C-alpha atoms as a PDB file:
ATOM      1  CA  MET A   1      17.375  22.473   2.596  1.00  0.00           C
ATOM      2  CA  ASN A   2      15.299  23.172   5.704  1.00  0.00           C
ATOM      3  CA  ALA A   3      12.436  21.170   4.192  1.00  0.00           C
ATOM      4  CA  LEU A   4      14.503  17.983   4.349  1.00  0.00           C
ATOM      5  CA  THR A   5      14.785  15.502   7.166  1.00  0.00           C
ATOM      6  CA  ASP A   6      18.199  15.258   8.791  1.00  0.00           C
ATOM      7  CA  LEU A   7      18.808  11.891   7.101  1.00  0.00           C
ATOM      8  CA  GLN A   8      17.897  13.231   3.666  1.00  0.00           C
ATOM      9  CA  ARG A   9      20.005  16.359   4.152  1.00  0.00           C
ATOM     10  CA  GLN A  10      23.014  14.350   5.281  1.00  0.00           C
ATOM     11  CA  ALA A  11      22.877  12.035   2.250  1.00  0.00           C
ATOM     12  CA  ILE A  12      22.366  14.897  -0.217  1.00  0.00           C
ATOM     13  CA  VAL A  13      25.189  16.979   1.248  1.00  0.00           C
ATOM     14  CA  LEU A  14      27.599  14.067   1.046  1.00  0.00           C
ATOM     15  CA  ALA A  15      26.618  13.184  -2.517  1.00  0.00           C
ATOM     16  CA  PHE A  16      26.152  16.580  -4.134  1.00  0.00           C
ATOM     17  CA  TYR A  17      28.203  19.043  -2.091  1.00  0.00           C
ATOM     18  CA  GLU A  18      31.076  16.840  -0.961  1.00  0.00           C
ATOM     19  CA  GLY A  19      31.234  14.754  -4.145  1.00  0.00           C
ATOM     20  CA  TYR A  20      30.898  11.260  -2.732  1.00  0.00           C
ATOM     21  CA  THR A  21      29.402   8.513  -4.879  1.00  0.00           C
ATOM     22  CA  TYR A  22      26.247   6.789  -3.693  1.00  0.00           C
ATOM     23  CA  PRO A  23      28.202   3.660  -2.616  1.00  0.00           C
ATOM     24  CA  GLU A  24      30.637   5.876  -0.703  1.00  0.00           C
ATOM     25  CA  VAL A  25      27.742   7.653   1.011  1.00  0.00           C
ATOM     26  CA  ALA A  26      26.306   4.276   1.993  1.00  0.00           C
ATOM     27  CA  ASP A  27      29.649   3.280   3.521  1.00  0.00           C
ATOM     28  CA  LEU A  28      30.045   6.595   5.352  1.00  0.00           C
ATOM     29  CA  LEU A  29      26.544   6.378   6.812  1.00  0.00           C
ATOM     30  CA  SER A  30      26.731   2.615   7.469  1.00  0.00           C
ATOM     31  CA  VAL A  31      23.525   1.910   5.555  1.00  0.00           C
ATOM     32  CA  LYS A  32      22.708  -0.128   2.487  1.00  0.00           C
ATOM     33  CA  LEU A  33      22.954   1.412  -0.972  1.00  0.00           C
ATOM     34  CA  PRO A  34      19.191   1.221  -1.689  1.00  0.00           C
ATOM     35  CA  THR A  35      18.578   3.179   1.518  1.00  0.00           C
ATOM     36  CA  VAL A  36      20.908   5.969   0.366  1.00  0.00           C
ATOM     37  CA  LYS A  37      19.273   6.050  -3.055  1.00  0.00           C
ATOM     38  CA  ALA A  38      15.823   6.298  -1.491  1.00  0.00           C
ATOM     39  CA  ARG A  39      16.864   9.065   0.914  1.00  0.00           C
ATOM     40  CA  ILE A  40      18.395  11.108  -1.883  1.00  0.00           C
ATOM     41  CA  ARG A  41      15.472  10.548  -4.248  1.00  0.00           C
ATOM     42  CA  ASP A  42      12.910  11.442  -1.597  1.00  0.00           C
ATOM     43  CA  GLY A  43      14.949  14.455  -0.523  1.00  0.00           C
ATOM     44  CA  LEU A  44      15.250  15.781  -4.064  1.00  0.00           C
ATOM     45  CA  LEU A  45      11.511  15.360  -4.569  1.00  0.00           C
ATOM     46  CA  ARG A  46      10.861  17.222  -1.319  1.00  0.00           C
ATOM     47  CA  LEU A  47      13.205  20.030  -2.417  1.00  0.00           C
ATOM     48  CA  ARG A  48      11.451  20.263  -5.770  1.00  0.00           C
ATOM     49  CA  ASP A  49       8.064  20.449  -4.090  1.00  0.00           C
ATOM     50  CA  SER A  50       9.197  23.123  -1.642  1.00  0.00           C
ATOM     51  CA  LEU A  51      10.665  25.218  -4.469  1.00  0.00           C
ATOM     52  CA  THR A  52       7.506  24.817  -6.516  1.00  0.00           C
ATOM     53  CA  THR A  53       5.244  25.935  -3.676  1.00  0.00           C
ATOM     54  CA  ALA A  54       7.559  28.881  -3.029  1.00  0.00           C
ATOM     55  CA  GLY A  55       7.176  29.894  -6.679  1.00  0.00           C
ATOM     56  CA  ILE A  56      10.885  29.535  -7.411  1.00  0.00           C
ATOM     57  CA  ALA A  57      10.787  26.576  -9.782  1.00  0.00           C
END
């Protein structure tokens, strides 16, 4: 999770750890739904890349 930006981490934590839907995350963060989707997608890609380079995935 340290590889993520604060914005990406916040969106991912709300969606995956706290169980909010993407529209709920958008409301909580006061941003548009496409912005939340992009932050989560980019964050998950960054996590995948960091795990791959660490030899975990």
